[in-house]
Amino acid sequence: MAETPADGTPARRPDNRQILTAIAVGLLVWFAVSNWQSVRIHFWLTTAKAPLFLVIVLSAVLGGVVIRFARRRGSSSKHD
C-alpha cells in the first residue's frame, strides 16, 4: 500500500512522461558539461564566441519555450 503524506493525499508515482523528461534533461546536462570548448556563433550581421555548453543549454531552453508556446496556442485554438 502506498504511503500517504501528512495531509492525507495519496502518494503519486511519476508517469512515463516525467521519467523520460528527467532522462532527457540528464543526458542534455551531461552532453553540455562534456563540451567546454569555445565556439564561434555566426548571427546575421555579427559573430560572437561562446562556450559550447552555454549554446547547448540556451538552445534547449529556447526549444522548450517554443514547444510550450506551440502547445498552449494549439490547445486554445481547439476551444474556439
Foldseek 3Di string as FASTA:
>chain_A
DADDPPVRDGDDDDDPVVVVVVVVVVVLLVVLVVQQDKDWDDDPPDIDIDGSSVVSVVVVVVVVVVVVVVVVVVVVVVVD
